[in-house]
Every structure is written in C-alpha cells, then in structure tokens.
C-alpha cells in the first residue's frame, strides 16, 4: 500500500511541477523536507500520531518549512495531512525523485568501497557508467571496510559486485560445491 500511495501522490506532484515548470525547485524542496524528517524521529512520530489534529500538524510543518520550501510544496504537505497520508511522506519523496530522474535521464548509482574514492576514480567510474547507460550519472560513494577492496555498485535495484570479498565468497561457494 505504501508504494501505491507514494507513487500516486508523487505522480500528482510531478505533474504539477511539470505544469508549473518548477520541477527542479520541487525536487530540492522535497529532498530538504525528507532530510529533516529522516533526521528528526520525534517529527516522524508527531506526524504519524493519530491524536494530534490536522491543524496542529499543518502549523508545525509551516513553522519548520515556511522559509525553506515553496508555497506549492507546503500546500502539497497540507493536502497529504488532510488526506491522512502523512506517514507516507518519505515514500512520496522517494517516488518523486525516481520520476524526476527518469524525466531528466539521470541514474543514481552508489559505489560501495573500502576507502573513500578520490575524484579521479569517481570521474572515471562516472564516465564508464555514463557511456554504458547513456544517462547522466549521480555517483554516491559509501564506505564499508568489510569489502576489503574493489567496488560494489548499486544501480536502481541491481547490484554489481566487483569486490574482493565477493570474489572470495564465490571461491568459497565453488569449493564447498565441488565434489571429490
């Protein structure tokens, strides 16, 4: 249900952004709202709490976001509250960013490495991925000391494992599966 609600409201916001020629600003606003909500667990609890009135939730969001986001996005948040969908704000945000990226031919990729990638390596990876996918690449670098070396790419819902840890696991499976 969360995914369906997220898609429906994200599509409505996306279409409004297209119509108003304000997609980029909407994306920035939605991302900043998401960052605040993800950081503040208490805000999440307040928004989801059934005994807190719609008006109180609207006042809270207004006090937090009035100076940060456009009036259209604030109105969109009010609609979400009026429809009792405030628990889906993060899902809506995620779906909106997907629609925005599709529309603008953007692909978000997470490269998980044992150490921080330098700019030269990031640029090289972006170039290779861009040439293969024919899309603009936004590269995020996550650090995981457990992978030993190499890179694990997360592209949409695919994982490309080029890590030493992954190779060792493949060898281990091959040895365990071997018959003597």
C-alpha atoms as a PDB file:
ATOM      1  CA  UNK A   1       0.000   0.000   0.000  1.00  0.00           C
ATOM      2  CA  UNK A   2       2.821   2.419   0.883  1.00  0.00           C
ATOM      3  CA  UNK A   3       4.337   2.111  -2.561  1.00  0.00           C
ATOM      4  CA  UNK A   4       0.988   2.672  -4.272  1.00  0.00           C
ATOM      5  CA  UNK A   5       0.226   5.750  -2.152  1.00  0.00           C
ATOM      6  CA  UNK A   6       3.756   7.039  -2.690  1.00  0.00           C
ATOM      7  CA  UNK A   7       3.503   6.625  -6.458  1.00  0.00           C
ATOM      8  CA  UNK A   8       0.070   8.238  -6.715  1.00  0.00           C
ATOM      9  CA  UNK A   9       0.962  11.360  -4.733  1.00  0.00           C
ATOM     10  CA  UNK A  10       4.429  11.615  -6.285  1.00  0.00           C
ATOM     11  CA  UNK A  11       2.899  11.493  -9.753  1.00  0.00           C
ATOM     12  CA  UNK A  12       0.429  14.233  -8.851  1.00  0.00           C
ATOM     13  CA  UNK A  13       3.251  16.424  -7.528  1.00  0.00           C
ATOM     14  CA  UNK A  14       5.413  15.636 -10.544  1.00  0.00           C
ATOM     15  CA  UNK A  15       2.641  16.604 -12.967  1.00  0.00           C
ATOM     16  CA  UNK A  16       2.047  19.837 -11.046  1.00  0.00           C
ATOM     17  CA  UNK A  17       5.781  20.573 -11.214  1.00  0.00           C
ATOM     18  CA  UNK A  18       5.784  19.992 -14.967  1.00  0.00           C
ATOM     19  CA  UNK A  19       2.738  22.185 -15.439  1.00  0.00           C
ATOM     20  CA  UNK A  20       4.220  24.996 -13.350  1.00  0.00           C
ATOM     21  CA  UNK A  21       7.674  24.488 -14.897  1.00  0.00           C
ATOM     22  CA  UNK A  22       9.032  24.097 -11.355  1.00  0.00           C
ATOM     23  CA  UNK A  23      10.318  20.516 -11.249  1.00  0.00           C
ATOM     24  CA  UNK A  24      13.853  21.364 -10.135  1.00  0.00           C
ATOM     25  CA  UNK A  25      12.635  23.523  -7.237  1.00  0.00           C
ATOM     26  CA  UNK A  26      10.098  20.867  -6.214  1.00  0.00           C
ATOM     27  CA  UNK A  27      12.859  18.251  -6.135  1.00  0.00           C
ATOM     28  CA  UNK A  28      15.081  20.453  -3.967  1.00  0.00           C
ATOM     29  CA  UNK A  29      12.175  21.192  -1.612  1.00  0.00           C
ATOM     30  CA  UNK A  30      11.146  17.544  -1.327  1.00  0.00           C
ATOM     31  CA  UNK A  31      14.737  16.482  -0.639  1.00  0.00           C
ATOM     32  CA  UNK A  32      15.152  19.084   2.114  1.00  0.00           C
ATOM     33  CA  UNK A  33      11.866  18.012   3.720  1.00  0.00           C
ATOM     34  CA  UNK A  34      12.949  14.381   3.557  1.00  0.00           C
ATOM     35  CA  UNK A  35      16.308  15.163   5.173  1.00  0.00           C
ATOM     36  CA  UNK A  36      14.619  16.929   8.093  1.00  0.00           C
ATOM     37  CA  UNK A  37      12.024  14.188   8.605  1.00  0.00           C
ATOM     38  CA  UNK A  38      14.650  11.421   8.434  1.00  0.00           C
ATOM     39  CA  UNK A  39      16.871  13.206  10.983  1.00  0.00           C
ATOM     40  CA  UNK A  40      14.088  14.066  13.414  1.00  0.00           C
ATOM     41  CA  UNK A  41      12.421  10.909  14.733  1.00  0.00           C
ATOM     42  CA  UNK A  42      10.205  12.978  17.005  1.00  0.00           C
ATOM     43  CA  UNK A  43       8.818  14.829  13.988  1.00  0.00           C
ATOM     44  CA  UNK A  44       8.012  11.480  12.354  1.00  0.00           C
ATOM     45  CA  UNK A  45       6.175  10.379  15.480  1.00  0.00           C
ATOM     46  CA  UNK A  46       4.213  13.624  15.694  1.00  0.00           C
ATOM     47  CA  UNK A  47       3.197  13.445  12.028  1.00  0.00           C
ATOM     48  CA  UNK A  48       2.037   9.847  12.371  1.00  0.00           C
ATOM     49  CA  UNK A  49       0.288  10.325  15.724  1.00  0.00           C
ATOM     50  CA  UNK A  50      -3.496   9.971  15.256  1.00  0.00           C
ATOM     51  CA  UNK A  51      -4.444  12.141  18.248  1.00  0.00           C
ATOM     52  CA  UNK A  52      -2.615  15.228  17.022  1.00  0.00           C
ATOM     53  CA  UNK A  53      -5.017  17.322  14.962  1.00  0.00           C
ATOM     54  CA  UNK A  54      -4.529  18.108  11.289  1.00  0.00           C
ATOM     55  CA  UNK A  55      -4.320  21.817  12.090  1.00  0.00           C
ATOM     56  CA  UNK A  56      -1.571  21.264  14.668  1.00  0.00           C
ATOM     57  CA  UNK A  57       0.411  19.191  12.154  1.00  0.00           C
ATOM     58  CA  UNK A  58      -0.016  21.879   9.499  1.00  0.00           C
ATOM     59  CA  UNK A  59       1.119  24.581  11.940  1.00  0.00           C
ATOM     60  CA  UNK A  60       4.163  22.507  12.839  1.00  0.00           C
ATOM     61  CA  UNK A  61       5.137  21.968   9.198  1.00  0.00           C
ATOM     62  CA  UNK A  62       4.560  25.642   8.448  1.00  0.00           C
ATOM     63  CA  UNK A  63       6.813  26.704  11.317  1.00  0.00           C
ATOM     64  CA  UNK A  64       9.556  24.320  10.168  1.00  0.00           C
ATOM     65  CA  UNK A  65       9.408  24.698   6.379  1.00  0.00           C
ATOM     66  CA  UNK A  66       7.797  28.076   5.555  1.00  0.00           C
ATOM     67  CA  UNK A  67      11.147  29.759   4.888  1.00  0.00           C
ATOM     68  CA  UNK A  68      12.727  26.707   3.227  1.00  0.00           C
ATOM     69  CA  UNK A  69      10.217  25.472   0.648  1.00  0.00           C
ATOM     70  CA  UNK A  70       7.847  26.918  -1.926  1.00  0.00           C
ATOM     71  CA  UNK A  71       4.209  27.596  -1.109  1.00  0.00           C
ATOM     72  CA  UNK A  72       3.181  24.889  -3.606  1.00  0.00           C
ATOM     73  CA  UNK A  73       5.128  22.253  -1.693  1.00  0.00           C
ATOM     74  CA  UNK A  74       3.727  23.496   1.607  1.00  0.00           C
ATOM     75  CA  UNK A  75       0.215  23.248   0.130  1.00  0.00           C
ATOM     76  CA  UNK A  76       1.047  19.746  -1.064  1.00  0.00           C
ATOM     77  CA  UNK A  77       2.028  18.812   2.502  1.00  0.00           C
ATOM     78  CA  UNK A  78      -1.293  20.223   3.716  1.00  0.00           C
ATOM     79  CA  UNK A  79      -3.169  18.001   1.256  1.00  0.00           C
ATOM     80  CA  UNK A  80      -1.188  14.988   2.475  1.00  0.00           C
ATOM     81  CA  UNK A  81      -2.185  15.823   6.050  1.00  0.00           C
ATOM     82  CA  UNK A  82      -5.828  16.427   5.106  1.00  0.00           C
ATOM     83  CA  UNK A  83      -5.924  13.006   3.460  1.00  0.00           C
ATOM     84  CA  UNK A  84      -4.203  11.384   6.475  1.00  0.00           C
ATOM     85  CA  UNK A  85      -1.223  10.292   4.365  1.00  0.00           C
ATOM     86  CA  UNK A  86       1.496  11.969   6.448  1.00  0.00           C
ATOM     87  CA  UNK A  87       3.032   8.581   7.222  1.00  0.00           C
ATOM     88  CA  UNK A  88       3.854   8.241   3.529  1.00  0.00           C
ATOM     89  CA  UNK A  89       5.845  11.454   3.041  1.00  0.00           C
ATOM     90  CA  UNK A  90       9.159   9.594   2.739  1.00  0.00           C
ATOM     91  CA  UNK A  91       7.672   7.139   0.221  1.00  0.00           C
ATOM     92  CA  UNK A  92       6.228  10.014  -1.796  1.00  0.00           C
ATOM     93  CA  UNK A  93       9.600  11.746  -1.785  1.00  0.00           C
ATOM     94  CA  UNK A  94      11.404   8.616  -2.964  1.00  0.00           C
ATOM     95  CA  UNK A  95       8.913   8.082  -5.797  1.00  0.00           C
ATOM     96  CA  UNK A  96       9.060  11.748  -6.809  1.00  0.00           C
ATOM     97  CA  UNK A  97      12.861  11.607  -7.117  1.00  0.00           C
ATOM     98  CA  UNK A  98      12.510   8.458  -9.272  1.00  0.00           C
ATOM     99  CA  UNK A  99      10.091  10.248 -11.603  1.00  0.00           C
ATOM    100  CA  UNK A 100      12.343  13.312 -11.730  1.00  0.00           C
ATOM    101  CA  UNK A 101      15.384  11.187 -12.564  1.00  0.00           C
ATOM    102  CA  UNK A 102      13.533   9.273 -15.294  1.00  0.00           C
ATOM    103  CA  UNK A 103      12.291  12.521 -16.810  1.00  0.00           C
ATOM    104  CA  UNK A 104      15.797  14.030 -16.829  1.00  0.00           C
ATOM    105  CA  UNK A 105      17.624  10.840 -17.907  1.00  0.00           C
ATOM    106  CA  UNK A 106      19.509  10.629 -14.610  1.00  0.00           C
ATOM    107  CA  UNK A 107      20.748   7.445 -12.969  1.00  0.00           C
ATOM    108  CA  UNK A 108      21.723   7.430  -9.298  1.00  0.00           C
ATOM    109  CA  UNK A 109      24.499   4.965  -8.512  1.00  0.00           C
ATOM    110  CA  UNK A 110      26.013   4.077  -5.154  1.00  0.00           C
ATOM    111  CA  UNK A 111      29.579   2.819  -5.230  1.00  0.00           C
ATOM    112  CA  UNK A 112      30.468   0.970  -2.030  1.00  0.00           C
ATOM    113  CA  UNK A 113      34.216   0.844  -1.448  1.00  0.00           C
ATOM    114  CA  UNK A 114      36.577   0.027   1.411  1.00  0.00           C
ATOM    115  CA  UNK A 115      38.039   3.553   1.350  1.00  0.00           C
ATOM    116  CA  UNK A 116      36.821   6.892   0.016  1.00  0.00           C
ATOM    117  CA  UNK A 117      37.157   7.147  -3.770  1.00  0.00           C
ATOM    118  CA  UNK A 118      39.268  10.058  -4.987  1.00  0.00           C
ATOM    119  CA  UNK A 119      37.837  12.463  -7.568  1.00  0.00           C
ATOM    120  CA  UNK A 120      39.831  10.900 -10.401  1.00  0.00           C
ATOM    121  CA  UNK A 121      38.341   7.458  -9.711  1.00  0.00           C
ATOM    122  CA  UNK A 122      34.842   8.895  -9.329  1.00  0.00           C
ATOM    123  CA  UNK A 123      35.148  10.733 -12.646  1.00  0.00           C
ATOM    124  CA  UNK A 124      36.422   7.596 -14.381  1.00  0.00           C
ATOM    125  CA  UNK A 125      33.554   5.498 -12.985  1.00  0.00           C
ATOM    126  CA  UNK A 126      31.009   8.167 -13.926  1.00  0.00           C
ATOM    127  CA  UNK A 127      32.382   8.263 -17.484  1.00  0.00           C
ATOM    128  CA  UNK A 128      32.271   4.474 -17.876  1.00  0.00           C
ATOM    129  CA  UNK A 129      28.748   4.201 -16.460  1.00  0.00           C
ATOM    130  CA  UNK A 130      27.524   7.164 -18.489  1.00  0.00           C
ATOM    131  CA  UNK A 131      28.878   5.637 -21.712  1.00  0.00           C
ATOM    132  CA  UNK A 132      27.248   2.274 -20.950  1.00  0.00           C
ATOM    133  CA  UNK A 133      23.863   3.599 -19.832  1.00  0.00           C
ATOM    134  CA  UNK A 134      23.653   6.763 -21.972  1.00  0.00           C
ATOM    135  CA  UNK A 135      22.413   8.595 -18.868  1.00  0.00           C
ATOM    136  CA  UNK A 136      23.720  11.328 -16.612  1.00  0.00           C
ATOM    137  CA  UNK A 137      25.227   9.636 -13.555  1.00  0.00           C
ATOM    138  CA  UNK A 138      24.936  10.880  -9.987  1.00  0.00           C
ATOM    139  CA  UNK A 139      27.510   8.921  -8.007  1.00  0.00           C
ATOM    140  CA  UNK A 140      27.348   8.442  -4.249  1.00  0.00           C
ATOM    141  CA  UNK A 141      30.294   6.822  -2.505  1.00  0.00           C
ATOM    142  CA  UNK A 142      29.572   4.732   0.601  1.00  0.00           C
ATOM    143  CA  UNK A 143      32.323   3.249   2.737  1.00  0.00           C
ATOM    144  CA  UNK A 144      32.267  -0.332   4.016  1.00  0.00           C
ATOM    145  CA  UNK A 145      35.539  -1.618   5.477  1.00  0.00           C
ATOM    146  CA  UNK A 146      34.263  -5.209   5.258  1.00  0.00           C
ATOM    147  CA  UNK A 147      34.510  -5.419   1.474  1.00  0.00           C
ATOM    148  CA  UNK A 148      38.341  -5.435   1.620  1.00  0.00           C
ATOM    149  CA  UNK A 149      38.819  -3.905  -1.853  1.00  0.00           C
ATOM    150  CA  UNK A 150      37.174  -3.348  -5.206  1.00  0.00           C
ATOM    151  CA  UNK A 151      33.775  -1.763  -5.703  1.00  0.00           C
ATOM    152  CA  UNK A 152      30.160  -2.819  -5.210  1.00  0.00           C
ATOM    153  CA  UNK A 153      27.782  -0.861  -7.444  1.00  0.00           C
ATOM    154  CA  UNK A 154      24.127  -0.374  -6.569  1.00  0.00           C
ATOM    155  CA  UNK A 155      22.253   0.724  -9.679  1.00  0.00           C
ATOM    156  CA  UNK A 156      18.479   1.025  -9.263  1.00  0.00           C
ATOM    157  CA  UNK A 157      17.534  -2.441  -7.973  1.00  0.00           C
ATOM    158  CA  UNK A 158      20.663  -4.188  -9.304  1.00  0.00           C
ATOM    159  CA  UNK A 159      23.901  -4.940  -7.513  1.00  0.00           C
ATOM    160  CA  UNK A 160      27.158  -5.391  -9.410  1.00  0.00           C
ATOM    161  CA  UNK A 161      29.740  -6.974  -7.142  1.00  0.00           C
ATOM    162  CA  UNK A 162      33.341  -6.308  -8.111  1.00  0.00           C
ATOM    163  CA  UNK A 163      34.709  -6.594  -4.572  1.00  0.00           C
ATOM    164  CA  UNK A 164      37.433  -8.844  -3.279  1.00  0.00           C
ATOM    165  CA  UNK A 165      35.049 -10.051  -0.571  1.00  0.00           C
ATOM    166  CA  UNK A 166      32.533 -11.052  -3.261  1.00  0.00           C
ATOM    167  CA  UNK A 167      35.205 -12.891  -5.229  1.00  0.00           C
ATOM    168  CA  UNK A 168      36.329 -14.744  -2.109  1.00  0.00           C
ATOM    169  CA  UNK A 169      32.722 -15.740  -1.391  1.00  0.00           C
ATOM    170  CA  UNK A 170      32.390 -17.068  -4.947  1.00  0.00           C
ATOM    171  CA  UNK A 171      35.558 -19.124  -4.497  1.00  0.00           C
ATOM    172  CA  UNK A 172      34.261 -20.418  -1.161  1.00  0.00           C
ATOM    173  CA  UNK A 173      30.952 -21.495  -2.766  1.00  0.00           C
ATOM    174  CA  UNK A 174      32.818 -23.199  -5.593  1.00  0.00           C
ATOM    175  CA  UNK A 175      35.000 -25.120  -3.144  1.00  0.00           C
ATOM    176  CA  UNK A 176      32.037 -26.143  -0.978  1.00  0.00           C
ATOM    177  CA  UNK A 177      30.099 -27.243  -4.042  1.00  0.00           C
ATOM    178  CA  UNK A 178      32.977 -29.222  -5.533  1.00  0.00           C
ATOM    179  CA  UNK A 179      32.748 -32.997  -5.389  1.00  0.00           C
ATOM    180  CA  UNK A 180      35.833 -35.062  -4.792  1.00  0.00           C
END
